[in-house]
Structure formats: C-alpha cells, structure tokens
Amino acid sequence: MPSSAPSPHDADALYAALQAGPLAGSAITVLHIGAGHSSIASGNGNGPQPQLLRILEIGSRATAMACLRHDPPTAHDVENAVATVEDAIAPLQGLLAADSTLHTADPGIRQIALRAGLEAQPEMDLPRDAVEDLYQRVAGRAMAGAAAPAQDIEGDQGFIATLLILRECLQHLGFDRIAIRSDTAY
C-alpha cells in the first residue's frame, strides 16, 4: 500500500528551497507526484512558505492501482483515470499564484521528459506539447484498442499514471511547460 506520509521532496519543500535560492521572490507553483499522493504548492514569492498547499489523493501507484486495471490499459481504464485526476485538480483552478511558473524535482517527471525526447540535463524544460505527444503515443493506443503499448513503457502502469497526472495538471491548471529541477540540489 502506498504511503500517505508527505515526502521531503513534496511540493512545499521544493517551494521553500526555490524561494530561498534561484527563484527568490518569483511567483511559482511546484508539483510533486508521489506514489500515494501528489502535492501542489503555489505562491507569489513573498517568503519561503507557499500561499497555497494542497495534498491530492492521486499518485502514480494509487492512480494506477485504482484506474489502470489492465496491461495495457483499456480505453475505459484511461477514461476513468482522466476523470479521477480531473476531479482531484478541478478545485485548484483559479487558486494558483497568478503568472506563476510550474516546477518539479520528481524523477518520474524527469523520465517523462527523457521518453518525450528531451536531452538529459540537470535542469530541463518540458513543454506541454511534448507531454501531449507522449500521452497520445501511450494512451492513444488504449483509446484505439491497440493490442500493446509502446515497448518502452510496457507494464509500467505507474509511468502511465504519472504521465496522465502531469498532462491533466498542465492542461487544466493553465501551464504551457514544467521546469524540471535537479533533485540533488534539494
């Protein structure tokens, strides 16, 4: 069973680290997708604490176990996962810091960037279009009733769930990209 305890890499910890360092005074939003939950911290840069911190009951393993019941996922699995994630993030619309940029230090999101074709670097900028293209390659197969997913993610329901959560956050919370920070600095 996934742990529901917050990780030291949760959104509020990274928010504080970024506000104490490279992005001090900037409006930022931080996303962490854990196994059992996800967290979002957002603020306008007035201090090390975010003005908004939410723990969401969607995580890579939790969403995969609850929604992605087949390998590869069926169209129904994907539709159920999308609806679950949308329901979890909908209350955040309009609450995030205005004009904030989205950041993460999650290894799972870093893997998405690499599988989307970005070159491995300590810090990467992953555009929403690249996430959407990867989502279409992965989930599009399920929606079309394809017999197998792309070989590089076969059997990795946690990866698929992380991709889906990231995609929905980018789309529904109005971000055109996510900055992936090196987790070794925090």
Protein backbone atom coordinates (compact mmCIF):
# COMPACT_ATOMS: atom_id res chain seq x y z
CA MET A 1 0.00 0.00 0.00
CA PRO A 2 1.44 3.42 -0.92
CA SER A 3 2.45 5.64 1.96
CA SER A 4 0.34 8.71 2.53
CA ALA A 5 3.04 10.44 4.57
CA PRO A 6 4.49 13.52 2.87
CA SER A 7 7.94 13.09 1.37
CA PRO A 8 10.82 15.53 1.88
CA HIS A 9 10.53 16.08 -1.86
CA ASP A 10 6.90 17.18 -1.62
CA ALA A 11 5.89 20.42 -3.23
CA ASP A 12 6.22 22.61 -0.12
CA ALA A 13 9.83 21.52 0.50
CA LEU A 14 10.87 22.29 -3.08
CA TYR A 15 8.90 25.56 -2.99
CA ALA A 16 10.85 26.69 0.09
CA ALA A 17 14.17 25.65 -1.46
CA LEU A 18 13.47 27.52 -4.70
CA GLN A 19 12.29 30.62 -2.81
CA ALA A 20 15.47 30.52 -0.70
CA GLY A 21 17.65 30.26 -3.78
CA PRO A 22 17.36 30.61 -7.52
CA LEU A 23 13.75 31.82 -7.71
CA ALA A 24 13.56 34.04 -4.62
CA GLY A 25 10.69 36.49 -4.94
CA SER A 26 9.21 34.80 -8.02
CA ALA A 27 5.65 33.57 -8.41
CA ILE A 28 6.00 29.79 -8.67
CA THR A 29 3.91 26.66 -8.44
CA VAL A 30 5.52 23.33 -7.56
CA LEU A 31 4.13 19.89 -8.43
CA HIS A 32 5.15 16.65 -6.75
CA ILE A 33 3.67 13.35 -7.93
CA GLY A 34 4.33 10.70 -5.32
CA ALA A 35 3.27 7.07 -5.22
CA GLY A 36 0.27 7.53 -2.96
CA HIS A 37 -0.49 11.22 -3.31
CA SER A 38 0.51 14.35 -5.15
CA SER A 39 1.08 17.82 -3.74
CA ILE A 40 0.92 21.30 -5.19
CA ALA A 41 2.40 24.42 -3.59
CA SER A 42 1.90 27.86 -5.07
CA GLY A 43 2.80 31.37 -4.04
CA ASN A 44 3.67 34.83 -5.25
CA GLY A 45 7.20 34.84 -3.83
CA ASN A 46 6.52 36.72 -0.61
CA GLY A 47 8.56 34.47 1.66
CA PRO A 48 9.57 30.83 1.84
CA GLN A 49 6.07 29.44 2.52
CA PRO A 50 3.52 28.95 -0.25
CA GLN A 51 0.18 30.73 -0.03
CA LEU A 52 -1.50 27.51 -1.23
CA LEU A 53 -0.58 23.93 -0.37
CA ARG A 54 -2.80 21.03 -1.35
CA ILE A 55 -2.32 17.31 -0.93
CA LEU A 56 -4.20 15.42 -3.65
CA GLU A 57 -5.23 11.79 -3.29
CA ILE A 58 -3.84 10.94 -6.70
CA GLY A 59 -0.37 9.49 -7.06
CA SER A 60 1.41 7.31 -9.57
CA ARG A 61 0.81 4.00 -7.80
CA ALA A 62 -2.56 4.92 -6.27
CA THR A 63 -3.97 6.07 -9.62
CA ALA A 64 -2.53 3.06 -11.44
CA MET A 65 -3.99 0.63 -8.89
CA ALA A 66 -7.40 2.32 -8.82
CA CYS A 67 -7.84 3.04 -12.52
CA LEU A 68 -5.35 1.27 -14.81
CA ARG A 69 -6.50 -2.28 -14.20
CA HIS A 70 -5.29 -3.82 -17.47
CA ASP A 71 -1.88 -4.10 -19.11
CA PRO A 72 -2.00 -2.38 -21.48
CA PRO A 73 -4.73 -0.08 -20.14
CA THR A 74 -8.05 -0.19 -21.94
CA ALA A 75 -9.86 2.89 -23.20
CA HIS A 76 -12.16 2.62 -20.17
CA ASP A 77 -9.13 2.49 -17.83
CA VAL A 78 -7.69 5.65 -19.36
CA GLU A 79 -11.03 7.48 -19.33
CA ASN A 80 -11.56 6.52 -15.67
CA ALA A 81 -8.05 7.72 -14.75
CA VAL A 82 -8.54 11.03 -16.57
CA ALA A 83 -11.85 11.61 -14.78
CA THR A 84 -10.30 10.75 -11.40
CA VAL A 85 -7.39 13.16 -11.93
CA GLU A 86 -9.63 15.93 -13.28
CA ASP A 87 -11.87 15.62 -10.21
CA ALA A 88 -8.84 15.93 -7.92
CA ILE A 89 -7.34 19.00 -9.60
CA ALA A 90 -10.51 20.89 -10.57
CA PRO A 91 -10.78 22.64 -7.17
CA LEU A 92 -7.36 24.21 -7.80
CA GLN A 93 -8.40 26.12 -10.90
CA GLY A 94 -8.12 29.84 -10.25
CA LEU A 95 -6.37 29.39 -6.88
CA LEU A 96 -2.73 29.22 -8.00
CA ALA A 97 -0.46 32.26 -7.90
CA ALA A 98 -1.07 34.48 -10.91
CA ASP A 99 1.55 34.24 -13.65
CA SER A 100 3.43 31.53 -11.78
CA THR A 101 5.74 29.07 -13.49
CA LEU A 102 5.50 25.34 -12.79
CA HIS A 103 8.45 23.44 -11.27
CA THR A 104 9.27 19.93 -10.07
CA ALA A 105 12.20 17.77 -8.99
CA ASP A 106 10.37 14.46 -9.47
CA PRO A 107 12.32 11.59 -11.02
CA GLY A 108 9.10 10.31 -12.60
CA ILE A 109 8.54 13.56 -14.45
CA ARG A 110 12.22 13.55 -15.46
CA GLN A 111 11.61 10.10 -17.01
CA ILE A 112 8.66 11.52 -18.93
CA ALA A 113 10.91 14.27 -20.31
CA LEU A 114 13.52 11.73 -21.41
CA ARG A 115 10.91 9.47 -23.04
CA ALA A 116 9.48 12.55 -24.75
CA GLY A 117 12.88 13.03 -26.40
CA LEU A 118 14.49 15.74 -24.27
CA GLU A 119 18.25 15.52 -23.76
CA ALA A 120 19.24 14.53 -20.22
CA GLN A 121 20.43 17.60 -18.30
CA PRO A 122 20.36 18.64 -14.63
CA GLU A 123 17.58 21.09 -15.45
CA MET A 124 15.10 20.57 -18.26
CA ASP A 125 12.14 22.48 -19.62
CA LEU A 126 9.33 20.12 -20.68
CA PRO A 127 6.70 21.76 -22.92
CA ARG A 128 3.05 20.74 -22.66
CA ASP A 129 3.10 19.80 -26.37
CA ALA A 130 5.83 17.21 -25.75
CA VAL A 131 3.79 15.75 -22.86
CA GLU A 132 0.72 15.65 -25.09
CA ASP A 133 2.65 13.92 -27.90
CA LEU A 134 3.90 11.25 -25.49
CA TYR A 135 0.41 10.85 -24.00
CA GLN A 136 -1.02 10.36 -27.48
CA ARG A 137 1.57 7.65 -28.20
CA VAL A 138 0.85 5.85 -24.93
CA ALA A 139 -2.81 6.38 -24.08
CA GLY A 140 -3.84 6.82 -27.69
CA ARG A 141 -3.07 3.13 -28.22
CA ALA A 142 -5.51 2.19 -25.47
CA MET A 143 -8.19 4.52 -26.80
CA ALA A 144 -7.80 2.97 -30.26
CA GLY A 145 -7.93 -0.54 -28.81
CA ALA A 146 -4.33 -1.33 -29.76
CA ALA A 147 -3.03 -4.70 -28.62
CA ALA A 148 0.10 -3.38 -26.88
CA PRO A 149 1.55 -0.11 -25.62
CA ALA A 150 4.83 1.34 -26.78
CA GLN A 151 7.57 -1.14 -25.85
CA ASP A 152 9.46 1.29 -23.61
CA ILE A 153 6.57 1.56 -21.15
CA GLU A 154 5.01 -1.87 -21.39
CA GLY A 155 3.88 -2.98 -17.96
CA ASP A 156 4.73 0.35 -16.32
CA GLN A 157 1.34 1.48 -15.07
CA GLY A 158 2.98 3.93 -12.62
CA PHE A 159 4.69 5.72 -15.51
CA ILE A 160 1.40 5.92 -17.40
CA ALA A 161 -0.38 7.29 -14.32
CA THR A 162 2.36 9.90 -13.76
CA LEU A 163 2.14 10.95 -17.41
CA LEU A 164 -1.62 11.27 -17.15
CA ILE A 165 -1.47 13.30 -13.91
CA LEU A 166 1.16 15.64 -15.38
CA ARG A 167 -0.82 16.08 -18.60
CA GLU A 168 -4.02 16.94 -16.77
CA CYS A 169 -2.25 19.37 -14.43
CA LEU A 170 -0.62 21.18 -17.35
CA GLN A 171 -3.87 21.39 -19.30
CA HIS A 172 -6.36 22.21 -16.56
CA LEU A 173 -4.17 24.47 -14.45
CA GLY A 174 -3.04 26.54 -17.43
CA PHE A 175 0.69 25.82 -17.69
CA ASP A 176 2.44 25.56 -21.06
CA ARG A 177 5.53 23.83 -19.57
CA ILE A 178 7.14 22.46 -16.45
CA ALA A 179 10.70 23.18 -15.34
CA ILE A 180 12.37 20.03 -14.06
CA ARG A 181 14.95 20.87 -11.44
CA SER A 182 17.79 18.65 -10.35
CA ASP A 183 16.71 16.80 -7.21
CA THR A 184 20.31 16.62 -5.97
CA ALA A 185 20.26 20.34 -5.12
CA TYR A 186 17.33 19.98 -2.71
